[in-house]
């Protein structure tokens, strides 16, 4: 999952010297919250809870945009949309793809974190 460096440049400009510590903390937080949102989505599917599923997909999407992970955010948005349409059968199929993409995003974010 590519990280859009232009999105990060805006934060660098605003945060200056605080950029690196801020983003390292943000990335570390995402390493915990990302799997939690995915698990919540799985649980919501199991419980046929479209509202919780949609809310978790939305939050995951928003968090990814912070990092400039727009490709991953688009996958989360697709799930958010399916949840809002209460199409959980289709969402279940796409959630596995999102989970796989999350693993790649973690690798990319680890590289970003290590470069800061």
Foldseek 3Di string as FASTA:
>chain_A
DDAPVVLLVVVCVVCPPCSLVVLLVLLVVCVVVVVVLLVQLVVCLVVLNLVSNLVSLQVNLVSCVNRRNNVLSVLSVVLNVCSVVSVSVVSVVSSVVSVVVVVVVNVVSVVVSVVD
